[in-house]
């Protein structure tokens, strides 16, 4: 059975990885200054962050319609026997709801939908895992079962200078937005399998303490897992200048560890950036090798 993979543009994977693994992408939408853009199709991350600096309005986002899902499913159905559709957490977007509605409208389509329970490169890592499992000749039900187990161990930590983007989009509550916007007080936010929103887990004063917290989370993740695991670590960021200092510390820290790992980095796309703003940066922790028998 020939299986194709579809994800959405919030996976924040570099274009070369998408092409390498033959991953299909359906874009979400971004609206800014009364104009609507297809995420990473009509507007790049660099152009998007440049536009929001000049705008007096905060951007808004929306999921693909059921009709758009129906179109891409029908197109992929001509090429594949089955489609594995892996998407942004249902708690953060209506994307999965649109995908399911598309299947209700066309029940003849052979599609399996998986909720990543994550976002950004947390979703992206599951998509890469699915592609690697597929190339290793795993069966569809085996791949889905592995994805559902792997998503329980995916952790995303991030920080921002300003929580107004997350607060307006309803991804964090107003009280935390007020606390986070105090002078030089940076929130540390987490998204994992149990999250129904982006959850504040700590707040520290200054970048140095924030970066140290991130490195501690990496150590805790490694120490709580088996040494034989091959880890996947990700660095995500909005505008690179905000992550530049941490990037060097992050990479140097990984090199001090006696572990096998893969390292990925990329900026967040316009949809994720709409909810975080340009100052976001963070880490993704994942035990990819465990599910590939590497």
C-alpha atoms as a PDB file:
ATOM      1  CA  UNK A   1       0.000   0.000   0.000  1.00  0.00           C
ATOM      2  CA  UNK A   2       1.378   3.379  -1.032  1.00  0.00           C
ATOM      3  CA  UNK A   3       0.914   5.906   1.777  1.00  0.00           C
ATOM      4  CA  UNK A   4       1.246   9.674   1.462  1.00  0.00           C
ATOM      5  CA  UNK A   5       1.778  12.116   4.325  1.00  0.00           C
ATOM      6  CA  UNK A   6      -0.055  15.401   4.723  1.00  0.00           C
ATOM      7  CA  UNK A   7       0.603  17.937   7.460  1.00  0.00           C
ATOM      8  CA  UNK A   8      -0.122  21.632   7.846  1.00  0.00           C
ATOM      9  CA  UNK A   9       2.058  24.714   7.656  1.00  0.00           C
ATOM     10  CA  UNK A  10       2.385  25.058  11.434  1.00  0.00           C
ATOM     11  CA  UNK A  11       4.882  22.162  11.432  1.00  0.00           C
ATOM     12  CA  UNK A  12       7.657  24.759  10.876  1.00  0.00           C
ATOM     13  CA  UNK A  13       9.912  22.305   9.068  1.00  0.00           C
ATOM     14  CA  UNK A  14      12.539  23.613   6.629  1.00  0.00           C
ATOM     15  CA  UNK A  15      11.652  23.247   2.965  1.00  0.00           C
ATOM     16  CA  UNK A  16      14.556  20.877   2.297  1.00  0.00           C
ATOM     17  CA  UNK A  17      13.260  18.414   4.895  1.00  0.00           C
ATOM     18  CA  UNK A  18       9.727  18.554   3.488  1.00  0.00           C
ATOM     19  CA  UNK A  19      11.069  17.754   0.028  1.00  0.00           C
ATOM     20  CA  UNK A  20      13.464  15.073   1.261  1.00  0.00           C
ATOM     21  CA  UNK A  21      10.673  13.131   2.943  1.00  0.00           C
ATOM     22  CA  UNK A  22       8.003  13.899   0.305  1.00  0.00           C
ATOM     23  CA  UNK A  23       5.752  15.572   2.869  1.00  0.00           C
ATOM     24  CA  UNK A  24       2.695  17.409   1.582  1.00  0.00           C
ATOM     25  CA  UNK A  25       1.545  20.580   3.355  1.00  0.00           C
ATOM     26  CA  UNK A  26      -1.801  22.362   3.561  1.00  0.00           C
ATOM     27  CA  UNK A  27      -1.410  26.016   4.581  1.00  0.00           C
ATOM     28  CA  UNK A  28      -3.289  27.826   7.320  1.00  0.00           C
ATOM     29  CA  UNK A  29      -4.269  31.465   6.824  1.00  0.00           C
ATOM     30  CA  UNK A  30      -2.966  34.723   8.275  1.00  0.00           C
ATOM     31  CA  UNK A  31      -4.863  38.018   8.145  1.00  0.00           C
ATOM     32  CA  UNK A  32      -3.081  41.321   8.645  1.00  0.00           C
ATOM     33  CA  UNK A  33      -4.121  44.854   7.702  1.00  0.00           C
ATOM     34  CA  UNK A  34      -7.244  43.538   5.955  1.00  0.00           C
ATOM     35  CA  UNK A  35      -5.234  41.200   3.730  1.00  0.00           C
ATOM     36  CA  UNK A  36      -5.227  37.406   3.920  1.00  0.00           C
ATOM     37  CA  UNK A  37      -2.191  35.266   3.183  1.00  0.00           C
ATOM     38  CA  UNK A  38      -1.578  31.540   2.860  1.00  0.00           C
ATOM     39  CA  UNK A  39       1.014  30.615   5.475  1.00  0.00           C
ATOM     40  CA  UNK A  40       4.453  30.120   3.849  1.00  0.00           C
ATOM     41  CA  UNK A  41       2.850  30.331   0.386  1.00  0.00           C
ATOM     42  CA  UNK A  42       1.867  33.976  -0.003  1.00  0.00           C
ATOM     43  CA  UNK A  43       4.109  35.284   2.751  1.00  0.00           C
ATOM     44  CA  UNK A  44       7.408  34.179   4.293  1.00  0.00           C
ATOM     45  CA  UNK A  45       8.383  34.399   7.952  1.00  0.00           C
ATOM     46  CA  UNK A  46      10.803  37.257   7.280  1.00  0.00           C
ATOM     47  CA  UNK A  47       8.234  39.302   5.386  1.00  0.00           C
ATOM     48  CA  UNK A  48       5.578  38.573   7.982  1.00  0.00           C
ATOM     49  CA  UNK A  49       7.610  39.788  10.953  1.00  0.00           C
ATOM     50  CA  UNK A  50       8.585  42.866   8.988  1.00  0.00           C
ATOM     51  CA  UNK A  51       4.908  43.629   8.316  1.00  0.00           C
ATOM     52  CA  UNK A  52       3.723  43.238  11.909  1.00  0.00           C
ATOM     53  CA  UNK A  53       6.371  45.714  13.073  1.00  0.00           C
ATOM     54  CA  UNK A  54       4.829  48.307  10.771  1.00  0.00           C
ATOM     55  CA  UNK A  55       1.218  47.437  11.568  1.00  0.00           C
ATOM     56  CA  UNK A  56      -0.987  48.914  14.274  1.00  0.00           C
ATOM     57  CA  UNK A  57      -3.027  45.705  14.405  1.00  0.00           C
ATOM     58  CA  UNK A  58      -2.282  42.229  15.684  1.00  0.00           C
ATOM     59  CA  UNK A  59      -2.606  39.473  13.071  1.00  0.00           C
ATOM     60  CA  UNK A  60      -5.301  36.809  13.174  1.00  0.00           C
ATOM     61  CA  UNK A  61      -5.244  33.258  11.870  1.00  0.00           C
ATOM     62  CA  UNK A  62      -7.694  30.669  10.591  1.00  0.00           C
ATOM     63  CA  UNK A  63      -7.617  27.015   9.667  1.00  0.00           C
ATOM     64  CA  UNK A  64      -8.027  25.619   6.146  1.00  0.00           C
ATOM     65  CA  UNK A  65     -11.649  25.062   5.195  1.00  0.00           C
ATOM     66  CA  UNK A  66     -13.187  21.613   4.837  1.00  0.00           C
ATOM     67  CA  UNK A  67     -13.377  22.336   1.113  1.00  0.00           C
ATOM     68  CA  UNK A  68      -9.633  22.980   0.933  1.00  0.00           C
ATOM     69  CA  UNK A  69      -8.958  19.745   2.769  1.00  0.00           C
ATOM     70  CA  UNK A  70     -11.313  17.940   0.411  1.00  0.00           C
ATOM     71  CA  UNK A  71      -9.421  19.296  -2.597  1.00  0.00           C
ATOM     72  CA  UNK A  72      -5.987  18.274  -1.378  1.00  0.00           C
ATOM     73  CA  UNK A  73      -7.217  14.879  -0.174  1.00  0.00           C
ATOM     74  CA  UNK A  74      -8.778  14.207  -3.587  1.00  0.00           C
ATOM     75  CA  UNK A  75      -5.567  15.219  -5.332  1.00  0.00           C
ATOM     76  CA  UNK A  76      -3.433  12.991  -3.094  1.00  0.00           C
ATOM     77  CA  UNK A  77      -5.956  10.171  -3.433  1.00  0.00           C
ATOM     78  CA  UNK A  78      -5.014   9.923  -7.114  1.00  0.00           C
ATOM     79  CA  UNK A  79      -1.396   9.287  -6.171  1.00  0.00           C
ATOM     80  CA  UNK A  80      -1.639   7.261  -2.967  1.00  0.00           C
ATOM     81  CA  UNK A  81      -3.666   4.327  -1.653  1.00  0.00           C
ATOM     82  CA  UNK A  82      -3.949   5.971   1.751  1.00  0.00           C
ATOM     83  CA  UNK A  83      -3.221   9.390   3.286  1.00  0.00           C
ATOM     84  CA  UNK A  84      -1.793   9.899   6.769  1.00  0.00           C
ATOM     85  CA  UNK A  85      -2.900  13.367   7.852  1.00  0.00           C
ATOM     86  CA  UNK A  86      -0.986  14.731  10.891  1.00  0.00           C
ATOM     87  CA  UNK A  87      -1.897  18.137  12.268  1.00  0.00           C
ATOM     88  CA  UNK A  88      -1.739  20.870  14.861  1.00  0.00           C
ATOM     89  CA  UNK A  89      -3.335  20.130  18.249  1.00  0.00           C
ATOM     90  CA  UNK A  90      -7.123  20.361  18.215  1.00  0.00           C
ATOM     91  CA  UNK A  91      -6.886  22.467  21.389  1.00  0.00           C
ATOM     92  CA  UNK A  92      -5.030  25.193  19.494  1.00  0.00           C
ATOM     93  CA  UNK A  93      -6.835  25.202  16.141  1.00  0.00           C
ATOM     94  CA  UNK A  94      -9.864  23.982  14.249  1.00  0.00           C
ATOM     95  CA  UNK A  95      -7.622  22.423  11.583  1.00  0.00           C
ATOM     96  CA  UNK A  96      -8.381  18.828  12.562  1.00  0.00           C
ATOM     97  CA  UNK A  97     -12.091  19.630  12.721  1.00  0.00           C
ATOM     98  CA  UNK A  98     -11.936  20.864   9.110  1.00  0.00           C
ATOM     99  CA  UNK A  99     -10.077  17.714   8.082  1.00  0.00           C
ATOM    100  CA  UNK A 100     -12.712  15.483   9.684  1.00  0.00           C
ATOM    101  CA  UNK A 101     -15.532  17.443   8.074  1.00  0.00           C
ATOM    102  CA  UNK A 102     -13.879  16.952   4.681  1.00  0.00           C
ATOM    103  CA  UNK A 103     -13.975  13.184   5.238  1.00  0.00           C
ATOM    104  CA  UNK A 104     -17.616  13.314   6.271  1.00  0.00           C
ATOM    105  CA  UNK A 105     -18.355  15.074   2.994  1.00  0.00           C
ATOM    106  CA  UNK A 106     -16.427  12.446   1.026  1.00  0.00           C
ATOM    107  CA  UNK A 107     -16.374   9.142   2.964  1.00  0.00           C
ATOM    108  CA  UNK A 108     -14.756   7.291   0.054  1.00  0.00           C
ATOM    109  CA  UNK A 109     -11.420   8.980   0.768  1.00  0.00           C
ATOM    110  CA  UNK A 110      -8.852   6.746   2.464  1.00  0.00           C
ATOM    111  CA  UNK A 111      -7.473   9.039   5.162  1.00  0.00           C
ATOM    112  CA  UNK A 112      -6.258   8.540   8.728  1.00  0.00           C
ATOM    113  CA  UNK A 113      -6.114  11.729  10.814  1.00  0.00           C
ATOM    114  CA  UNK A 114      -3.680  12.025  13.734  1.00  0.00           C
ATOM    115  CA  UNK A 115      -3.729  14.830  16.294  1.00  0.00           C
ATOM    116  CA  UNK A 116      -0.113  15.672  17.114  1.00  0.00           C
ATOM    117  CA  UNK A 117      -1.139  17.206  20.478  1.00  0.00           C
ATOM    118  CA  UNK A 118       1.573  19.735  19.683  1.00  0.00           C
ATOM    119  CA  UNK A 119       2.526  22.638  17.432  1.00  0.00           C
ATOM    120  CA  UNK A 120       5.432  24.046  15.463  1.00  0.00           C
ATOM    121  CA  UNK A 121       8.393  21.677  15.367  1.00  0.00           C
ATOM    122  CA  UNK A 122       6.699  19.483  17.990  1.00  0.00           C
ATOM    123  CA  UNK A 123       4.285  18.616  15.191  1.00  0.00           C
ATOM    124  CA  UNK A 124       7.164  18.632  12.716  1.00  0.00           C
ATOM    125  CA  UNK A 125       9.104  15.957  14.572  1.00  0.00           C
ATOM    126  CA  UNK A 126       6.114  13.598  14.503  1.00  0.00           C
ATOM    127  CA  UNK A 127       5.783  14.189  10.770  1.00  0.00           C
ATOM    128  CA  UNK A 128       9.457  13.361  10.195  1.00  0.00           C
ATOM    129  CA  UNK A 129       9.061  10.257  12.348  1.00  0.00           C
ATOM    130  CA  UNK A 130       6.067   9.138  10.279  1.00  0.00           C
ATOM    131  CA  UNK A 131       8.030   9.617   7.053  1.00  0.00           C
ATOM    132  CA  UNK A 132      10.998   7.636   8.370  1.00  0.00           C
ATOM    133  CA  UNK A 133       8.757   4.822   9.604  1.00  0.00           C
ATOM    134  CA  UNK A 134       7.065   4.727   6.228  1.00  0.00           C
ATOM    135  CA  UNK A 135      10.407   4.397   4.437  1.00  0.00           C
ATOM    136  CA  UNK A 136      11.329   1.624   6.865  1.00  0.00           C
ATOM    137  CA  UNK A 137       8.299  -0.326   5.615  1.00  0.00           C
ATOM    138  CA  UNK A 138       6.196  -0.123   8.754  1.00  0.00           C
ATOM    139  CA  UNK A 139       2.494  -0.759   8.221  1.00  0.00           C
ATOM    140  CA  UNK A 140      -0.047   2.034   8.627  1.00  0.00           C
ATOM    141  CA  UNK A 141      -1.447   0.821  11.955  1.00  0.00           C
ATOM    142  CA  UNK A 142       2.081   0.402  13.334  1.00  0.00           C
ATOM    143  CA  UNK A 143       2.987   3.946  12.308  1.00  0.00           C
ATOM    144  CA  UNK A 144      -0.152   5.409  13.871  1.00  0.00           C
ATOM    145  CA  UNK A 145       0.434   3.534  17.123  1.00  0.00           C
ATOM    146  CA  UNK A 146       4.026   4.741  17.299  1.00  0.00           C
ATOM    147  CA  UNK A 147       2.961   8.334  16.622  1.00  0.00           C
ATOM    148  CA  UNK A 148       0.397   8.197  19.416  1.00  0.00           C
ATOM    149  CA  UNK A 149       3.032   6.947  21.847  1.00  0.00           C
ATOM    150  CA  UNK A 150       5.707   9.357  20.652  1.00  0.00           C
ATOM    151  CA  UNK A 151       3.480  12.418  21.013  1.00  0.00           C
ATOM    152  CA  UNK A 152       3.178  11.703  24.733  1.00  0.00           C
ATOM    153  CA  UNK A 153       6.916  12.304  25.123  1.00  0.00           C
ATOM    154  CA  UNK A 154       7.192  15.445  22.993  1.00  0.00           C
ATOM    155  CA  UNK A 155       7.956  18.609  24.951  1.00  0.00           C
ATOM    156  CA  UNK A 156       8.062  22.197  23.709  1.00  0.00           C
ATOM    157  CA  UNK A 157       9.362  25.064  25.868  1.00  0.00           C
ATOM    158  CA  UNK A 158       9.378  28.659  24.717  1.00  0.00           C
ATOM    159  CA  UNK A 159       9.650  32.232  25.888  1.00  0.00           C
ATOM    160  CA  UNK A 160       8.611  35.622  24.536  1.00  0.00           C
ATOM    161  CA  UNK A 161       9.259  39.226  25.465  1.00  0.00           C
ATOM    162  CA  UNK A 162       5.614  40.174  25.101  1.00  0.00           C
ATOM    163  CA  UNK A 163       2.591  37.970  25.771  1.00  0.00           C
ATOM    164  CA  UNK A 164       0.048  40.224  24.055  1.00  0.00           C
ATOM    165  CA  UNK A 165       0.069  38.051  20.907  1.00  0.00           C
ATOM    166  CA  UNK A 166      -0.722  34.885  22.859  1.00  0.00           C
ATOM    167  CA  UNK A 167      -3.245  36.644  25.087  1.00  0.00           C
ATOM    168  CA  UNK A 168      -5.264  38.153  22.225  1.00  0.00           C
ATOM    169  CA  UNK A 169      -5.332  34.857  20.385  1.00  0.00           C
ATOM    170  CA  UNK A 170      -6.732  33.113  23.459  1.00  0.00           C
ATOM    171  CA  UNK A 171      -3.714  30.826  23.838  1.00  0.00           C
ATOM    172  CA  UNK A 172      -2.963  32.126  27.340  1.00  0.00           C
ATOM    173  CA  UNK A 173      -5.062  33.928  29.926  1.00  0.00           C
ATOM    174  CA  UNK A 174      -5.050  37.681  30.567  1.00  0.00           C
ATOM    175  CA  UNK A 175      -3.602  37.477  34.103  1.00  0.00           C
ATOM    176  CA  UNK A 176      -0.512  35.708  32.832  1.00  0.00           C
ATOM    177  CA  UNK A 177      -0.246  38.248  30.041  1.00  0.00           C
ATOM    178  CA  UNK A 178      -0.077  41.047  32.610  1.00  0.00           C
ATOM    179  CA  UNK A 179       2.571  39.261  34.676  1.00  0.00           C
ATOM    180  CA  UNK A 180       4.641  38.453  31.621  1.00  0.00           C
ATOM    181  CA  UNK A 181       4.747  42.030  30.463  1.00  0.00           C
ATOM    182  CA  UNK A 182       6.394  43.332  33.616  1.00  0.00           C
ATOM    183  CA  UNK A 183       9.809  44.857  33.002  1.00  0.00           C
ATOM    184  CA  UNK A 184      12.426  42.221  32.165  1.00  0.00           C
ATOM    185  CA  UNK A 185      10.290  39.391  33.545  1.00  0.00           C
ATOM    186  CA  UNK A 186      10.230  36.583  30.996  1.00  0.00           C
ATOM    187  CA  UNK A 187       7.625  33.827  31.049  1.00  0.00           C
ATOM    188  CA  UNK A 188       8.578  30.233  30.347  1.00  0.00           C
ATOM    189  CA  UNK A 189       5.792  28.444  28.529  1.00  0.00           C
ATOM    190  CA  UNK A 190       5.245  24.766  27.856  1.00  0.00           C
ATOM    191  CA  UNK A 191       3.276  22.699  25.383  1.00  0.00           C
ATOM    192  CA  UNK A 192       3.065  18.937  25.738  1.00  0.00           C
ATOM    193  CA  UNK A 193       0.656  16.010  25.341  1.00  0.00           C
ATOM    194  CA  UNK A 194      -1.524  17.120  28.274  1.00  0.00           C
ATOM    195  CA  UNK A 195      -1.722  20.786  27.292  1.00  0.00           C
ATOM    196  CA  UNK A 196      -5.033  22.339  26.275  1.00  0.00           C
ATOM    197  CA  UNK A 197      -3.283  25.690  25.748  1.00  0.00           C
ATOM    198  CA  UNK A 198       0.206  27.126  25.948  1.00  0.00           C
ATOM    199  CA  UNK A 199       0.825  26.850  29.683  1.00  0.00           C
ATOM    200  CA  UNK A 200       3.048  29.131  31.806  1.00  0.00           C
ATOM    201  CA  UNK A 201       5.332  27.009  33.988  1.00  0.00           C
ATOM    202  CA  UNK A 202       7.755  29.619  35.331  1.00  0.00           C
ATOM    203  CA  UNK A 203       8.872  33.215  35.069  1.00  0.00           C
ATOM    204  CA  UNK A 204      12.392  34.520  35.507  1.00  0.00           C
ATOM    205  CA  UNK A 205      14.142  37.836  35.231  1.00  0.00           C
ATOM    206  CA  UNK A 206      16.369  38.267  32.210  1.00  0.00           C
ATOM    207  CA  UNK A 207      17.644  36.203  29.298  1.00  0.00           C
ATOM    208  CA  UNK A 208      20.496  34.543  31.172  1.00  0.00           C
ATOM    209  CA  UNK A 209      18.190  32.921  33.720  1.00  0.00           C
ATOM    210  CA  UNK A 210      15.736  31.997  30.992  1.00  0.00           C
ATOM    211  CA  UNK A 211      18.448  30.286  28.970  1.00  0.00           C
ATOM    212  CA  UNK A 212      19.692  28.445  32.047  1.00  0.00           C
ATOM    213  CA  UNK A 213      16.157  27.133  32.647  1.00  0.00           C
ATOM    214  CA  UNK A 214      15.998  25.809  29.109  1.00  0.00           C
ATOM    215  CA  UNK A 215      19.303  23.986  29.544  1.00  0.00           C
ATOM    216  CA  UNK A 216      18.003  22.491  32.791  1.00  0.00           C
ATOM    217  CA  UNK A 217      14.932  21.176  30.964  1.00  0.00           C
ATOM    218  CA  UNK A 218      17.235  19.486  28.454  1.00  0.00           C
ATOM    219  CA  UNK A 219      19.215  17.844  31.265  1.00  0.00           C
ATOM    220  CA  UNK A 220      16.049  16.655  32.990  1.00  0.00           C
ATOM    221  CA  UNK A 221      14.741  15.168  29.761  1.00  0.00           C
ATOM    222  CA  UNK A 222      17.973  13.284  29.116  1.00  0.00           C
ATOM    223  CA  UNK A 223      18.306  12.065  32.705  1.00  0.00           C
ATOM    224  CA  UNK A 224      14.773  10.695  32.739  1.00  0.00           C
ATOM    225  CA  UNK A 225      15.302   8.573  29.628  1.00  0.00           C
ATOM    226  CA  UNK A 226      17.407   5.634  28.586  1.00  0.00           C
ATOM    227  CA  UNK A 227      20.971   6.302  27.461  1.00  0.00           C
ATOM    228  CA  UNK A 228      20.517   4.296  24.279  1.00  0.00           C
ATOM    229  CA  UNK A 229      17.893   6.677  22.925  1.00  0.00           C
ATOM    230  CA  UNK A 230      18.749   8.853  19.944  1.00  0.00           C
ATOM    231  CA  UNK A 231      17.367  12.248  20.809  1.00  0.00           C
ATOM    232  CA  UNK A 232      15.994  14.857  18.447  1.00  0.00           C
ATOM    233  CA  UNK A 233      16.437  18.421  19.627  1.00  0.00           C
ATOM    234  CA  UNK A 234      14.942  21.445  17.946  1.00  0.00           C
ATOM    235  CA  UNK A 235      15.529  25.174  18.155  1.00  0.00           C
ATOM    236  CA  UNK A 236      12.681  27.422  17.038  1.00  0.00           C
ATOM    237  CA  UNK A 237      12.637  31.195  16.895  1.00  0.00           C
ATOM    238  CA  UNK A 238      10.833  34.179  15.432  1.00  0.00           C
ATOM    239  CA  UNK A 239      13.399  36.774  14.470  1.00  0.00           C
ATOM    240  CA  UNK A 240      16.835  35.247  14.850  1.00  0.00           C
ATOM    241  CA  UNK A 241      18.312  38.132  16.842  1.00  0.00           C
ATOM    242  CA  UNK A 242      16.254  37.081  19.863  1.00  0.00           C
ATOM    243  CA  UNK A 243      17.596  33.511  19.769  1.00  0.00           C
ATOM    244  CA  UNK A 244      21.184  34.232  18.771  1.00  0.00           C
ATOM    245  CA  UNK A 245      22.646  34.162  22.289  1.00  0.00           C
ATOM    246  CA  UNK A 246      20.743  31.035  23.286  1.00  0.00           C
ATOM    247  CA  UNK A 247      21.536  29.174  20.054  1.00  0.00           C
ATOM    248  CA  UNK A 248      25.250  29.107  20.869  1.00  0.00           C
ATOM    249  CA  UNK A 249      24.643  27.995  24.463  1.00  0.00           C
ATOM    250  CA  UNK A 250      22.189  25.338  23.324  1.00  0.00           C
ATOM    251  CA  UNK A 251      24.532  23.818  20.762  1.00  0.00           C
ATOM    252  CA  UNK A 252      27.542  23.919  23.086  1.00  0.00           C
ATOM    253  CA  UNK A 253      25.495  22.298  25.832  1.00  0.00           C
ATOM    254  CA  UNK A 254      24.416  19.429  23.594  1.00  0.00           C
ATOM    255  CA  UNK A 255      28.029  18.802  22.630  1.00  0.00           C
ATOM    256  CA  UNK A 256      28.945  18.244  26.280  1.00  0.00           C
ATOM    257  CA  UNK A 257      26.458  15.372  26.569  1.00  0.00           C
ATOM    258  CA  UNK A 258      27.433  11.748  26.051  1.00  0.00           C
ATOM    259  CA  UNK A 259      24.405  11.004  23.885  1.00  0.00           C
ATOM    260  CA  UNK A 260      23.457  10.401  20.284  1.00  0.00           C
ATOM    261  CA  UNK A 261      21.284  13.151  18.895  1.00  0.00           C
ATOM    262  CA  UNK A 262      19.978  14.935  15.828  1.00  0.00           C
ATOM    263  CA  UNK A 263      19.607  18.690  15.795  1.00  0.00           C
ATOM    264  CA  UNK A 264      17.130  20.802  13.844  1.00  0.00           C
ATOM    265  CA  UNK A 265      16.560  24.552  13.762  1.00  0.00           C
ATOM    266  CA  UNK A 266      14.157  26.860  11.963  1.00  0.00           C
ATOM    267  CA  UNK A 267      12.167  30.020  12.404  1.00  0.00           C
ATOM    268  CA  UNK A 268       8.456  29.787  13.145  1.00  0.00           C
ATOM    269  CA  UNK A 269       6.067  30.437  10.291  1.00  0.00           C
ATOM    270  CA  UNK A 270       3.591  33.313  10.056  1.00  0.00           C
ATOM    271  CA  UNK A 271       0.727  31.408  11.717  1.00  0.00           C
ATOM    272  CA  UNK A 272       2.726  30.402  14.796  1.00  0.00           C
ATOM    273  CA  UNK A 273       4.381  33.833  14.718  1.00  0.00           C
ATOM    274  CA  UNK A 274       0.948  35.472  14.825  1.00  0.00           C
ATOM    275  CA  UNK A 275       0.422  33.988  18.276  1.00  0.00           C
ATOM    276  CA  UNK A 276       3.916  34.513  19.649  1.00  0.00           C
ATOM    277  CA  UNK A 277       5.296  37.653  18.036  1.00  0.00           C
ATOM    278  CA  UNK A 278       8.842  38.039  16.713  1.00  0.00           C
ATOM    279  CA  UNK A 279      10.600  37.656  20.096  1.00  0.00           C
ATOM    280  CA  UNK A 280       9.769  33.971  20.538  1.00  0.00           C
ATOM    281  CA  UNK A 281      12.417  31.304  20.860  1.00  0.00           C
ATOM    282  CA  UNK A 282      12.373  27.873  22.388  1.00  0.00           C
ATOM    283  CA  UNK A 283      13.324  24.211  22.328  1.00  0.00           C
ATOM    284  CA  UNK A 284      11.730  20.942  21.283  1.00  0.00           C
ATOM    285  CA  UNK A 285      12.665  17.711  23.061  1.00  0.00           C
ATOM    286  CA  UNK A 286      11.883  14.386  21.409  1.00  0.00           C
ATOM    287  CA  UNK A 287      13.071  10.762  21.541  1.00  0.00           C
ATOM    288  CA  UNK A 288      12.863  10.130  17.814  1.00  0.00           C
ATOM    289  CA  UNK A 289      15.351   7.288  17.689  1.00  0.00           C
ATOM    290  CA  UNK A 290      13.403   5.260  20.228  1.00  0.00           C
ATOM    291  CA  UNK A 291      10.563   4.756  17.761  1.00  0.00           C
ATOM    292  CA  UNK A 292      12.811   3.979  14.807  1.00  0.00           C
ATOM    293  CA  UNK A 293      14.840   1.298  16.542  1.00  0.00           C
ATOM    294  CA  UNK A 294      17.957   3.333  15.709  1.00  0.00           C
END
